[in-house]
Amino acid sequence: MLGNAMLFLIIAIVAGVLGFSGIAGVASTIAQILFVLFLILFIVSLFTGRRR
């Protein structure tokens, strides 16, 4: 999931440099959503992880 967020971030940067503002905006929004979702799932897994 973090890899997908990085992929969309790279797409957003490339699209922004090339002048495709609509595509850059959508890709950066997707990257932000995936990154926040990754962080939430990571924090939840820290607290509810298996205890040995």
Protein backbone atom coordinates (compact mmCIF):
# COMPACT_ATOMS: atom_id res chain seq x y z
CA MET A 1 0.00 0.00 0.00
CA LEU A 2 2.86 2.34 0.76
CA GLY A 3 4.31 1.43 -2.63
CA ASN A 4 1.06 2.45 -4.32
CA ALA A 5 1.10 5.77 -2.48
CA MET A 6 4.67 6.40 -3.66
CA LEU A 7 3.69 5.45 -7.24
CA PHE A 8 0.81 7.94 -7.29
CA LEU A 9 3.07 10.58 -5.74
CA ILE A 10 5.60 10.09 -8.56
CA ILE A 11 2.80 10.23 -11.15
CA ALA A 12 1.56 13.47 -9.58
CA ILE A 13 5.03 15.03 -9.66
CA VAL A 14 5.65 14.04 -13.29
CA ALA A 15 2.19 15.20 -14.36
CA GLY A 16 2.68 18.50 -12.53
CA VAL A 17 6.02 19.10 -14.23
CA LEU A 18 4.53 18.34 -17.64
CA GLY A 19 1.59 20.69 -17.02
CA PHE A 20 -1.24 18.20 -16.57
CA SER A 21 -2.73 19.86 -13.51
CA GLY A 22 -5.93 17.79 -13.45
CA ILE A 23 -4.09 14.48 -13.48
CA ALA A 24 -1.55 15.76 -10.96
CA GLY A 25 -4.30 16.83 -8.58
CA VAL A 26 -6.09 13.50 -8.76
CA ALA A 27 -2.88 11.49 -8.39
CA SER A 28 -1.72 13.54 -5.39
CA THR A 29 -5.11 13.14 -3.72
CA ILE A 30 -4.96 9.37 -4.20
CA ALA A 31 -1.41 9.31 -2.84
CA GLN A 32 -2.45 11.28 0.25
CA ILE A 33 -5.43 9.00 0.93
CA LEU A 34 -3.34 5.84 0.55
CA PHE A 35 -0.59 7.23 2.79
CA VAL A 36 -3.03 8.17 5.56
CA LEU A 37 -4.71 4.77 5.26
CA PHE A 38 -1.29 3.10 5.51
CA LEU A 39 -0.43 5.10 8.63
CA ILE A 40 -3.75 4.26 10.30
CA LEU A 41 -3.37 0.55 9.55
CA PHE A 42 0.24 0.61 10.76
CA ILE A 43 -0.69 2.22 14.08
CA VAL A 44 -3.60 -0.21 14.56
CA SER A 45 -1.31 -3.16 13.84
CA LEU A 46 1.18 -1.88 16.41
CA PHE A 47 -1.44 -1.90 19.14
CA THR A 48 -3.26 -5.10 18.12
CA GLY A 49 -0.26 -7.10 16.93
CA ARG A 50 0.46 -10.59 18.10
CA ARG A 51 2.08 -10.74 21.48
CA ARG A 52 4.57 -13.50 22.20
